[in-house]
Amino acid sequence: MAAIITDQLRILNAKNFVAGVASTSNSYYAFIGLPNPKDIYSDWDSDPPSPKDSFADEDNDWDTVITMKKITSSDVKQVVRKVTWTSGITYDMYRHDITSSNTSKPSGATRLYDANYYIVNSDYRVYICLRNGVSPEYPNGQPSLDEPTFTDLEPREAGTSGDGYLWKYLYTIAPSDIIKFDSTDYIPVPRDWMTTTDTNISAVRSNAATSGQLKIITITNRGVGLGTANRVYTRVPIDGDGNGAECTISINNDSKVESIAISRGGSGYTFGRVNLSAGGVPTGTTTPTFNVIIPPHGGHGADIYRELGASNVMMYSRFSNEDGNADFITGNQIARIGIIENPEAFGSTEILQSSTASGVYAVRLAGAGYSTGIFEPDSFITQTIGVGSTAVGRVISYDQPTGVLKYWQDRSMAGFNTNFSQNANPPYGLKLNRFTSSVTSGGSLDIVGIANTFRIDSTFTGVSTVINSKTYYLGQSFTNGVSNPEVKKYSGNLIYVDNRPSVTRSSSQKEDVKVILQF
């Protein structure tokens, strides 16, 4: 049995995904993580390994999450391939009949959405190419010489070169969308195209009713011996399942078809054929042939997602310390980004709602010397929490002014290798103990690093602290000097993971994370 998953299902899935992110019943978060990639794979920065898709790898990815930032409805949009107008390039034209046996010209695309039939210009205006200079002499079209810049609602040529191109203006990418969603390979399409009250979009959408009329007929064979030379035939009917369309045919000095143009667009066509006999046009010794181009359902500009093939979604997030956000670590690396759907708040079954969230454990250190002590990023720290019981972690960051030490733990600290195989000689046993201020007999509040030992401040509880009359927000809440993550690990669905060459974060740095989801 033969079957096909159509492009329209992919477009629908992309549209539904965007709607799901915008829904108040959902929460999507971008995360950054993995501060020590080279300990996992020495060549990580030159050749990051491909993520693996298994439950074990999902849990391991969760262990490396440092910080999360909520993705809002304004941070997600459907996007399409970026085709930038360049003088001298021959573009495809919109055709309704592109298949593997009737490919697009000149690209050879076997489906419409792989063809280069639309462009974005230097002013971020998007146009669809309705005619590309195609003719029997130039079956692949001709180079485009005039950049379209107009915003007229009706299709027209872009300049005076006579390159044979006819363009239809669709929309202009908003400046805010350029920042978030423009990339080397993709451009955004406007949100809520069919319902928005934006005056520019609604004008294009309303004009689609006239765009639904037939606009383009191309000549595939000029014919031979078509009666009297240099004659024009008007009101030549176009047959098909629609009504009212007519064209004008001009015969040249050689008794061949010189040109054909739609004079009345009619309506309701899904196929069409020029009726030469009914229009009084001689068929000659060789009958001329034409291709009647059928516009999209509703006309050009009625449904931008269907017309341009918007089956991809871009999600955007910016990680920046400009607002003093203590959830975003500095001084260490990140080498993994990803997207999590509906994670839960720590210690709860409620979906996380905060704008940012820390994914790591932390302790606040006490004593006059903590402001000068240093715990090196990625170095090991330990705490004896009782007789025969040790907690071990790795430093993510240490903030000297506040004494906040953030750490992470993964299964390599509990008797497993980085490939999940069991370590025959685990250095700290098989249990991952958390650092605590509630030590048992034989335990100590001391946190031991490579060259520094400080105590957990078991008297401190809160989310901020005052030092020398200055208030510091710590990013996460502490109880007796210990803080849990703000998100429940392993909750929700980890829907995207991307391993990247490592980047060391600084306080003045911004990371713009742009993730493409292909449906």
Protein backbone atom coordinates (compact mmCIF):
# COMPACT_ATOMS: atom_id res chain seq x y z
CA MET A 1 0.00 0.00 0.00
CA ALA A 2 1.39 3.37 -1.04
CA ALA A 3 0.99 6.39 1.26
CA ILE A 4 2.54 9.78 1.89
CA ILE A 5 2.87 12.14 4.84
CA THR A 6 2.10 15.43 3.14
CA ASP A 7 3.84 18.76 3.60
CA GLN A 8 0.55 20.16 4.86
CA LEU A 9 0.69 17.86 7.90
CA ARG A 10 4.18 19.14 8.68
CA ILE A 11 2.97 22.73 8.36
CA LEU A 12 0.01 21.94 10.63
CA ASN A 13 2.30 20.35 13.22
CA ALA A 14 4.53 23.44 13.18
CA LYS A 15 1.51 25.72 13.58
CA ASN A 16 0.14 23.61 16.44
CA PHE A 17 3.50 23.60 18.17
CA VAL A 18 3.67 27.41 18.10
CA ALA A 19 0.14 27.54 19.51
CA GLY A 20 1.16 25.08 22.23
CA VAL A 21 4.05 27.26 23.33
CA ALA A 22 1.72 30.27 23.48
CA SER A 23 -0.81 28.37 25.60
CA THR A 24 -0.85 29.33 29.28
CA SER A 25 -1.20 25.65 30.19
CA ASN A 26 2.33 24.96 28.91
CA SER A 27 5.82 26.11 29.86
CA TYR A 28 8.80 25.72 27.55
CA TYR A 29 12.34 26.47 28.68
CA ALA A 30 15.67 26.81 26.93
CA PHE A 31 18.63 25.57 28.96
CA ILE A 32 22.39 25.89 28.89
CA GLY A 33 24.68 23.40 30.60
CA LEU A 34 27.60 20.97 30.63
CA PRO A 35 30.49 22.96 32.16
CA ASN A 36 33.23 20.37 31.64
CA PRO A 37 32.80 18.80 28.19
CA LYS A 38 36.46 17.92 27.68
CA ASP A 39 36.36 15.56 30.64
CA ILE A 40 33.79 13.57 28.70
CA TYR A 41 35.43 13.79 25.29
CA SER A 42 38.87 15.33 24.80
CA ASP A 43 38.13 16.53 21.24
CA TRP A 44 34.79 18.05 22.19
CA ASP A 45 35.53 21.58 20.99
CA SER A 46 36.72 20.49 17.56
CA ASP A 47 34.20 17.69 17.11
CA PRO A 48 31.26 17.73 19.57
CA PRO A 49 29.63 14.30 19.70
CA SER A 50 26.10 13.87 18.40
CA PRO A 51 23.51 13.63 21.20
CA LYS A 52 21.95 10.22 21.74
CA ASP A 53 18.24 9.64 22.16
CA SER A 54 17.60 7.24 25.03
CA PHE A 55 16.09 7.48 28.49
CA ALA A 56 19.56 7.02 30.02
CA ASP A 57 21.00 9.87 27.93
CA GLU A 58 18.00 12.06 28.74
CA ASP A 59 18.67 11.67 32.46
CA ASN A 60 22.35 12.33 31.92
CA ASP A 61 21.56 15.49 29.94
CA TRP A 62 19.36 16.64 32.82
CA ASP A 63 22.32 16.21 35.20
CA THR A 64 24.26 18.81 33.19
CA VAL A 65 21.54 21.52 33.16
CA ILE A 66 22.84 24.73 34.76
CA THR A 67 20.32 27.43 33.93
CA MET A 68 16.91 27.59 32.30
CA LYS A 69 15.02 30.50 30.74
CA LYS A 70 11.35 30.48 29.87
CA ILE A 71 10.37 30.77 26.21
CA THR A 72 7.40 33.08 25.78
CA SER A 73 4.93 33.30 22.91
CA SER A 74 7.03 36.12 21.41
CA ASP A 75 10.08 33.82 21.36
CA VAL A 76 8.73 31.25 18.91
CA LYS A 77 7.71 31.53 15.26
CA GLN A 78 7.30 29.47 12.14
CA VAL A 79 10.19 30.05 9.75
CA VAL A 80 11.02 29.26 6.14
CA ARG A 81 14.24 28.86 4.21
CA LYS A 82 16.09 32.10 3.61
CA VAL A 83 16.45 32.94 -0.09
CA THR A 84 18.16 36.32 -0.42
CA TRP A 85 17.72 38.30 -3.63
CA THR A 86 20.99 38.76 -5.50
CA SER A 87 21.37 40.37 -8.91
CA GLY A 88 22.18 37.93 -11.69
CA ILE A 89 20.61 34.89 -10.05
CA THR A 90 17.89 32.98 -11.88
CA TYR A 91 15.11 32.17 -9.43
CA ASP A 92 12.36 29.62 -9.71
CA MET A 93 8.80 30.82 -10.17
CA TYR A 94 5.73 29.75 -8.25
CA ARG A 95 4.12 26.75 -9.88
CA HIS A 96 1.31 24.56 -8.58
CA ASP A 97 2.42 21.45 -10.48
CA ILE A 98 6.00 20.76 -9.34
CA THR A 99 6.71 17.05 -8.89
CA SER A 100 9.57 14.61 -9.39
CA SER A 101 8.45 14.18 -13.01
CA ASN A 102 7.81 17.90 -13.57
CA THR A 103 10.63 19.63 -11.71
CA SER A 104 11.03 23.31 -10.95
CA LYS A 105 13.34 25.35 -13.16
CA PRO A 106 16.17 26.13 -12.81
CA SER A 107 16.68 24.52 -9.38
CA GLY A 108 15.43 21.07 -10.35
CA ALA A 109 13.41 20.88 -7.11
CA THR A 110 10.95 18.02 -7.03
CA ARG A 111 8.52 19.83 -4.75
CA LEU A 112 7.46 23.44 -4.45
CA TYR A 113 8.94 24.06 -0.99
CA ASP A 114 12.43 23.10 -2.14
CA ALA A 115 12.29 25.57 -5.03
CA ASN A 116 13.69 29.11 -4.81
CA TYR A 117 10.41 30.77 -5.75
CA TYR A 118 10.40 33.55 -3.14
CA ILE A 119 13.03 35.99 -1.89
CA VAL A 120 13.79 38.42 0.92
CA ASN A 121 15.28 41.71 -0.23
CA SER A 122 17.82 44.01 1.44
CA ASP A 123 15.01 45.80 3.31
CA TYR A 124 13.67 42.53 4.73
CA ARG A 125 10.65 42.56 2.44
CA VAL A 126 9.46 39.18 1.20
CA TYR A 127 8.20 38.58 -2.33
CA ILE A 128 6.98 35.60 -4.30
CA CYS A 129 8.16 35.20 -7.88
CA LEU A 130 5.17 34.74 -10.19
CA ARG A 131 7.19 34.81 -13.42
CA ASN A 132 10.94 34.38 -13.89
CA GLY A 133 11.44 35.28 -17.57
CA VAL A 134 10.60 31.77 -18.72
CA SER A 135 9.88 31.26 -22.43
CA PRO A 136 10.44 28.56 -25.05
CA GLU A 137 13.85 30.14 -25.69
CA TYR A 138 14.63 30.30 -21.95
CA PRO A 139 12.89 27.27 -20.44
CA ASN A 140 14.84 27.68 -17.18
CA GLY A 141 14.03 31.38 -16.85
CA GLN A 142 16.47 34.29 -16.96
CA PRO A 143 18.66 36.11 -14.40
CA SER A 144 16.88 38.60 -12.16
CA LEU A 145 18.34 42.10 -12.58
CA ASP A 146 15.93 44.36 -10.68
CA GLU A 147 15.54 44.00 -6.92
CA PRO A 148 11.88 44.27 -5.91
CA THR A 149 11.37 47.01 -3.29
CA PHE A 150 7.73 48.02 -3.78
CA THR A 151 4.87 47.28 -1.37
CA ASP A 152 2.07 47.50 -3.93
CA LEU A 153 -0.61 44.90 -3.42
CA GLU A 154 -0.84 43.90 -7.08
CA PRO A 155 2.00 41.97 -8.74
CA ARG A 156 4.33 43.95 -10.98
CA GLU A 157 7.82 44.11 -12.42
CA ALA A 158 10.54 45.46 -10.17
CA GLY A 159 12.39 47.76 -12.56
CA THR A 160 13.05 48.69 -16.17
CA SER A 161 15.61 46.10 -17.22
CA GLY A 162 13.02 43.91 -18.92
CA ASP A 163 14.30 40.80 -17.12
CA GLY A 164 10.85 39.25 -17.42
CA TYR A 165 10.22 38.91 -13.68
CA LEU A 166 6.87 39.52 -12.01
CA TRP A 167 6.88 39.81 -8.21
CA LYS A 168 4.11 39.73 -5.61
CA TYR A 169 4.79 41.53 -2.30
CA LEU A 170 3.85 39.45 0.76
CA TYR A 171 5.15 41.05 3.99
CA THR A 172 7.97 42.92 5.70
CA ILE A 173 9.89 41.28 8.57
CA ALA A 174 9.50 43.40 11.71
CA PRO A 175 12.70 44.80 13.30
CA SER A 176 12.06 42.85 16.52
CA ASP A 177 11.74 39.64 14.50
CA ILE A 178 14.97 40.38 12.64
CA ILE A 179 16.83 40.36 15.97
CA LYS A 180 15.25 37.15 17.21
CA PHE A 181 14.50 35.06 14.16
CA ASP A 182 16.64 36.13 11.21
CA SER A 183 19.54 33.76 10.59
CA THR A 184 21.84 32.60 7.86
CA ASP A 185 19.39 29.94 6.74
CA TYR A 186 15.92 31.02 7.88
CA ILE A 187 13.52 33.96 7.99
CA PRO A 188 10.35 34.23 10.10
CA VAL A 189 6.79 34.44 8.87
CA PRO A 190 4.32 36.64 10.76
CA ARG A 191 2.27 35.17 13.59
CA ASP A 192 -1.51 34.67 13.29
CA TRP A 193 -1.53 35.59 9.60
CA MET A 194 -5.20 34.71 9.08
CA THR A 195 -6.50 36.59 12.14
CA THR A 196 -4.13 39.49 12.84
CA THR A 197 -5.46 43.04 12.62
CA ASP A 198 -2.09 44.38 11.49
CA THR A 199 -3.07 46.77 8.72
CA ASN A 200 -0.28 45.79 6.33
CA ILE A 201 -0.94 42.08 6.65
CA SER A 202 -4.71 42.43 6.51
CA ALA A 203 -4.34 44.45 3.28
CA VAL A 204 -2.29 41.67 1.66
CA ARG A 205 -4.69 39.06 2.98
CA SER A 206 -7.74 40.95 1.69
CA ASN A 207 -6.08 41.39 -1.70
CA ALA A 208 -5.71 37.61 -1.91
CA ALA A 209 -9.26 37.43 -3.23
CA THR A 210 -8.11 39.17 -6.39
CA SER A 211 -4.85 37.26 -6.24
CA GLY A 212 -7.01 34.15 -6.41
CA GLN A 213 -7.76 35.03 -9.97
CA LEU A 214 -5.55 33.55 -12.66
CA LYS A 215 -2.51 35.79 -13.14
CA ILE A 216 0.12 33.87 -15.09
CA ILE A 217 0.21 31.82 -18.29
CA THR A 218 3.55 30.77 -19.72
CA ILE A 219 4.31 29.78 -23.30
CA THR A 220 5.82 26.31 -23.67
CA ASN A 221 5.65 26.20 -27.50
CA ARG A 222 5.03 29.22 -29.76
CA GLY A 223 3.46 27.14 -32.53
CA VAL A 224 3.96 27.54 -36.29
CA GLY A 225 1.74 28.95 -39.05
CA LEU A 226 -0.85 30.66 -36.89
CA GLY A 227 -2.67 32.53 -39.67
CA THR A 228 -2.25 36.25 -40.21
CA ALA A 229 0.97 37.71 -38.88
CA ASN A 230 1.08 40.57 -36.36
CA ARG A 231 -2.43 39.99 -35.08
CA VAL A 232 -3.84 40.27 -31.57
CA TYR A 233 -6.62 37.96 -30.36
CA THR A 234 -8.57 39.21 -27.37
CA ARG A 235 -11.00 37.51 -24.99
CA VAL A 236 -9.62 34.05 -25.67
CA PRO A 237 -11.37 31.88 -23.05
CA ILE A 238 -9.60 29.69 -20.51
CA ASP A 239 -11.48 26.45 -19.94
CA GLY A 240 -11.29 24.41 -16.76
CA ASP A 241 -13.28 23.96 -13.59
CA GLY A 242 -13.44 27.72 -12.95
CA ASN A 243 -15.29 30.51 -14.69
CA GLY A 244 -14.69 33.76 -16.50
CA ALA A 245 -10.96 33.76 -17.21
CA GLU A 246 -9.79 35.14 -20.53
CA CYS A 247 -6.47 35.97 -22.12
CA THR A 248 -4.98 38.05 -24.92
CA ILE A 249 -2.68 36.39 -27.47
CA SER A 250 -0.35 38.33 -29.78
CA ILE A 251 0.92 36.73 -33.00
CA ASN A 252 4.28 37.99 -34.31
CA ASN A 253 5.60 38.55 -37.80
CA ASP A 254 6.56 34.88 -38.09
CA SER A 255 2.97 33.76 -37.34
CA LYS A 256 4.01 32.43 -33.94
CA VAL A 257 2.79 33.35 -30.46
CA GLU A 258 4.73 36.40 -29.33
CA SER A 259 3.05 36.85 -25.96
CA ILE A 260 0.09 35.80 -23.85
CA ALA A 261 -1.40 37.67 -20.91
CA ILE A 262 -4.38 37.22 -18.61
CA SER A 263 -7.02 39.84 -19.36
CA ARG A 264 -9.67 38.55 -16.96
CA GLY A 265 -8.68 36.41 -13.98
CA GLY A 266 -11.96 34.62 -13.45
CA SER A 267 -12.40 32.51 -10.33
CA GLY A 268 -12.58 28.97 -9.01
CA TYR A 269 -9.88 27.34 -11.13
CA THR A 270 -7.86 24.33 -10.02
CA PHE A 271 -6.86 23.58 -13.62
CA GLY A 272 -7.10 25.50 -16.87
CA ARG A 273 -6.52 25.24 -20.62
CA VAL A 274 -6.43 27.95 -23.28
CA ASN A 275 -9.24 27.31 -25.75
CA LEU A 276 -7.70 28.55 -29.00
CA SER A 277 -10.60 27.50 -31.19
CA ALA A 278 -13.19 29.30 -29.08
CA GLY A 279 -11.04 32.42 -29.20
CA GLY A 280 -10.70 32.29 -32.97
CA VAL A 281 -6.94 31.60 -32.85
CA PRO A 282 -5.71 29.35 -35.71
CA THR A 283 -3.97 26.21 -34.50
CA GLY A 284 -1.51 26.35 -37.43
CA THR A 285 0.75 23.56 -38.59
CA THR A 286 2.12 23.27 -35.05
CA THR A 287 -0.32 24.06 -32.26
CA PRO A 288 1.05 26.40 -29.56
CA THR A 289 0.98 25.15 -25.96
CA PHE A 290 0.74 26.97 -22.68
CA ASN A 291 0.90 26.35 -18.94
CA VAL A 292 -1.88 27.96 -16.91
CA ILE A 293 -0.46 28.62 -13.42
CA ILE A 294 -3.03 28.05 -10.66
CA PRO A 295 -2.55 30.26 -7.56
CA PRO A 296 -2.73 28.83 -4.01
CA HIS A 297 -6.14 28.21 -2.47
CA GLY A 298 -7.55 31.62 -1.61
CA GLY A 299 -4.94 33.41 -3.69
CA HIS A 300 -1.40 34.64 -3.11
CA GLY A 301 -1.18 35.97 0.44
CA ALA A 302 -4.26 34.20 1.80
CA ASP A 303 -2.34 31.58 3.80
CA ILE A 304 1.34 32.47 4.11
CA TYR A 305 2.24 29.24 5.92
CA ARG A 306 0.86 27.04 3.15
CA GLU A 307 2.17 29.28 0.39
CA LEU A 308 5.77 29.36 1.67
CA GLY A 309 5.87 25.94 3.33
CA ALA A 310 6.37 27.00 6.95
CA SER A 311 7.03 23.55 8.41
CA ASN A 312 9.92 24.69 10.62
CA VAL A 313 9.80 26.47 13.97
CA MET A 314 12.49 28.66 15.51
CA MET A 315 12.70 29.12 19.28
CA TYR A 316 14.75 32.02 20.61
CA SER A 317 16.25 32.70 24.01
CA ARG A 318 18.85 35.17 25.27
CA PHE A 319 21.03 34.46 28.30
CA SER A 320 22.45 37.72 29.64
CA ASN A 321 23.74 38.95 32.97
CA GLU A 322 22.95 42.59 32.22
CA ASP A 323 20.07 42.57 34.69
CA GLY A 324 22.22 41.01 37.42
CA ASN A 325 20.51 37.63 37.09
CA ALA A 326 22.32 35.31 39.46
CA ASP A 327 20.89 32.19 37.78
CA PHE A 328 23.27 32.70 34.85
CA ILE A 329 26.72 31.48 35.87
CA THR A 330 29.94 33.18 34.78
CA GLY A 331 33.56 32.08 34.74
CA ASN A 332 32.84 28.57 33.48
CA GLN A 333 31.96 26.91 30.23
CA ILE A 334 28.72 25.83 28.61
CA ALA A 335 28.70 23.23 25.85
CA ARG A 336 25.11 22.03 25.66
CA ILE A 337 21.82 23.75 24.92
CA GLY A 338 18.34 22.35 24.74
CA ILE A 339 14.59 22.74 25.13
CA ILE A 340 12.44 21.26 27.90
CA GLU A 341 8.65 21.08 27.79
CA ASN A 342 6.66 21.49 31.01
CA PRO A 343 9.32 20.90 33.68
CA GLU A 344 8.01 20.95 37.24
CA ALA A 345 9.04 23.21 40.09
CA PHE A 346 11.37 21.62 42.64
CA GLY A 347 9.50 19.69 45.34
CA SER A 348 6.21 20.10 43.50
CA THR A 349 4.03 18.60 40.82
CA GLU A 350 3.16 22.06 39.48
CA ILE A 351 4.56 23.11 36.12
CA LEU A 352 7.41 25.60 36.48
CA GLN A 353 6.38 29.18 35.65
CA SER A 354 9.29 31.44 36.67
CA SER A 355 11.05 33.44 33.96
CA THR A 356 14.44 31.90 34.85
CA ALA A 357 15.41 28.94 37.00
CA SER A 358 18.59 27.48 38.38
CA GLY A 359 19.09 23.81 37.64
CA VAL A 360 21.88 23.23 40.18
CA TYR A 361 22.49 22.78 43.90
CA ALA A 362 24.39 25.41 45.87
CA VAL A 363 25.78 26.14 49.30
CA ARG A 364 26.66 29.44 50.99
CA LEU A 365 29.99 29.47 52.72
CA ALA A 366 30.64 31.19 56.03
CA GLY A 367 33.60 32.88 57.68
CA ALA A 368 35.62 36.04 57.19
CA GLY A 369 37.87 34.36 54.65
CA TYR A 370 35.27 33.23 52.15
CA SER A 371 35.51 36.43 50.15
CA THR A 372 39.13 35.70 49.30
CA GLY A 373 38.93 31.92 48.86
CA ILE A 374 38.71 30.46 45.36
CA PHE A 375 37.21 27.19 44.21
CA GLU A 376 38.43 26.50 40.69
CA PRO A 377 35.76 25.78 38.06
CA ASP A 378 35.31 22.03 37.39
CA SER A 379 37.44 21.06 40.40
CA PHE A 380 36.14 18.44 42.82
CA ILE A 381 34.76 19.35 46.23
CA THR A 382 33.87 16.98 49.07
CA GLN A 383 32.11 17.02 52.42
CA THR A 384 32.18 14.38 55.12
CA ILE A 385 28.54 14.24 56.15
CA GLY A 386 28.86 11.29 58.52
CA VAL A 387 30.92 8.25 59.35
CA GLY A 388 31.69 6.50 56.05
CA SER A 389 29.50 8.92 54.13
CA THR A 390 30.95 11.52 51.74
CA ALA A 391 29.34 13.98 49.37
CA VAL A 392 31.22 14.83 46.19
CA GLY A 393 30.56 17.35 43.45
CA ARG A 394 32.22 19.52 40.86
CA VAL A 395 32.43 23.30 41.01
CA ILE A 396 30.28 25.17 38.52
CA SER A 397 30.94 28.62 39.89
CA TYR A 398 32.03 30.36 43.06
CA ASP A 399 30.97 33.94 43.76
CA GLN A 400 33.47 35.53 46.11
CA PRO A 401 31.39 38.48 47.36
CA THR A 402 28.43 36.35 48.43
CA GLY A 403 30.16 33.06 49.16
CA VAL A 404 27.74 31.11 46.95
CA LEU A 405 29.27 27.90 45.62
CA LYS A 406 27.29 26.14 42.86
CA TYR A 407 28.09 22.52 42.05
CA TRP A 408 26.85 19.66 39.94
CA GLN A 409 26.85 15.89 40.19
CA ASP A 410 26.46 13.18 37.60
CA ARG A 411 26.71 9.40 37.56
CA SER A 412 30.50 9.51 37.09
CA MET A 413 30.60 10.38 40.80
CA ALA A 414 28.50 7.35 41.69
CA GLY A 415 30.45 4.47 40.25
CA PHE A 416 29.84 4.91 36.52
CA ASN A 417 31.98 5.94 33.58
CA THR A 418 30.90 8.61 31.11
CA ASN A 419 29.63 5.90 28.74
CA PHE A 420 27.36 4.62 31.55
CA SER A 421 29.45 1.48 32.15
CA GLN A 422 30.09 0.63 35.80
CA ASN A 423 33.36 1.71 37.31
CA ALA A 424 35.06 -1.19 39.06
CA ASN A 425 36.73 1.11 41.60
CA PRO A 426 34.39 4.04 42.38
CA PRO A 427 36.34 6.58 44.47
CA TYR A 428 33.37 7.79 46.51
CA GLY A 429 31.03 4.79 46.59
CA LEU A 430 27.82 4.16 44.72
CA LYS A 431 25.57 6.74 46.36
CA LEU A 432 25.39 10.38 45.35
CA ASN A 433 25.10 12.29 48.61
CA ARG A 434 24.13 15.96 48.55
CA PHE A 435 26.05 18.59 50.43
CA THR A 436 24.19 19.39 53.62
CA SER A 437 24.13 21.46 56.78
CA SER A 438 22.43 18.57 58.60
CA VAL A 439 25.48 16.41 59.20
CA THR A 440 25.36 13.26 61.32
CA SER A 441 27.85 11.85 63.81
CA GLY A 442 31.37 12.16 62.47
CA GLY A 443 30.30 14.69 59.86
CA SER A 444 31.49 18.25 59.29
CA LEU A 445 30.17 21.46 57.75
CA ASP A 446 33.50 21.83 55.97
CA ILE A 447 33.58 21.96 52.15
CA VAL A 448 36.99 20.78 50.96
CA GLY A 449 38.38 21.87 47.59
CA ILE A 450 41.80 21.58 45.98
CA ALA A 451 43.37 24.31 48.09
CA ASN A 452 40.46 25.82 50.01
CA THR A 453 38.32 24.66 52.89
CA PHE A 454 35.36 26.68 54.15
CA ARG A 455 32.29 25.90 56.18
CA ILE A 456 28.66 25.94 55.13
CA ASP A 457 26.92 28.91 56.75
CA SER A 458 24.21 26.91 58.51
CA THR A 459 22.78 30.11 60.01
CA PHE A 460 21.87 31.66 56.66
CA THR A 461 18.37 31.39 55.21
CA GLY A 462 17.04 33.57 52.40
CA VAL A 463 17.32 34.55 48.76
CA SER A 464 19.44 37.68 49.23
CA THR A 465 22.16 38.96 51.50
CA VAL A 466 23.54 42.37 52.48
CA ILE A 467 27.30 42.90 52.42
CA ASN A 468 28.80 46.33 53.15
CA SER A 469 25.35 47.94 52.79
CA LYS A 470 24.87 46.39 49.33
CA THR A 471 22.10 43.87 48.68
CA TYR A 472 22.97 40.84 46.57
CA TYR A 473 20.26 38.68 45.00
CA LEU A 474 21.45 35.07 45.07
CA GLY A 475 19.17 33.66 42.38
CA GLN A 476 17.86 30.77 44.44
CA SER A 477 16.57 30.35 47.98
CA PHE A 478 18.80 28.99 50.75
CA THR A 479 17.77 27.18 53.91
CA ASN A 480 20.46 26.81 56.57
CA GLY A 481 23.10 27.59 53.96
CA VAL A 482 21.94 25.00 51.39
CA SER A 483 19.92 25.55 48.21
CA ASN A 484 18.13 23.10 45.96
CA PRO A 485 17.58 23.65 42.24
CA GLU A 486 14.48 25.63 41.31
CA VAL A 487 13.40 22.95 38.84
CA LYS A 488 12.66 19.30 39.54
CA LYS A 489 15.24 17.30 37.65
CA TYR A 490 14.04 14.68 35.17
CA SER A 491 10.55 16.21 34.98
CA GLY A 492 8.78 17.28 31.79
CA ASN A 493 9.99 16.31 28.32
CA LEU A 494 13.45 17.06 27.04
CA ILE A 495 12.55 17.66 23.39
CA TYR A 496 15.80 19.07 21.98
CA VAL A 497 19.50 18.66 22.81
CA ASP A 498 22.43 20.21 20.96
CA ASN A 499 26.10 19.69 21.81
CA ARG A 500 28.19 22.76 20.92
CA PRO A 501 31.88 23.74 21.14
CA SER A 502 32.36 25.11 24.64
CA VAL A 503 31.95 28.81 25.43
CA THR A 504 33.22 30.44 28.61
CA ARG A 505 30.62 32.84 30.00
CA SER A 506 31.52 36.27 31.34
CA SER A 507 29.35 38.84 33.11
CA SER A 508 29.25 41.08 30.01
CA GLN A 509 28.40 38.25 27.65
CA LYS A 510 25.14 37.41 25.89
CA GLU A 511 24.23 34.08 24.35
CA ASP A 512 21.49 34.17 21.73
CA VAL A 513 20.18 30.64 21.44
CA LYS A 514 18.24 29.93 18.24
CA VAL A 515 16.86 26.42 17.88
CA ILE A 516 15.24 25.12 14.69
CA LEU A 517 12.63 22.39 15.05
CA GLN A 518 11.81 20.67 11.78
CA PHE A 519 8.45 18.96 11.42
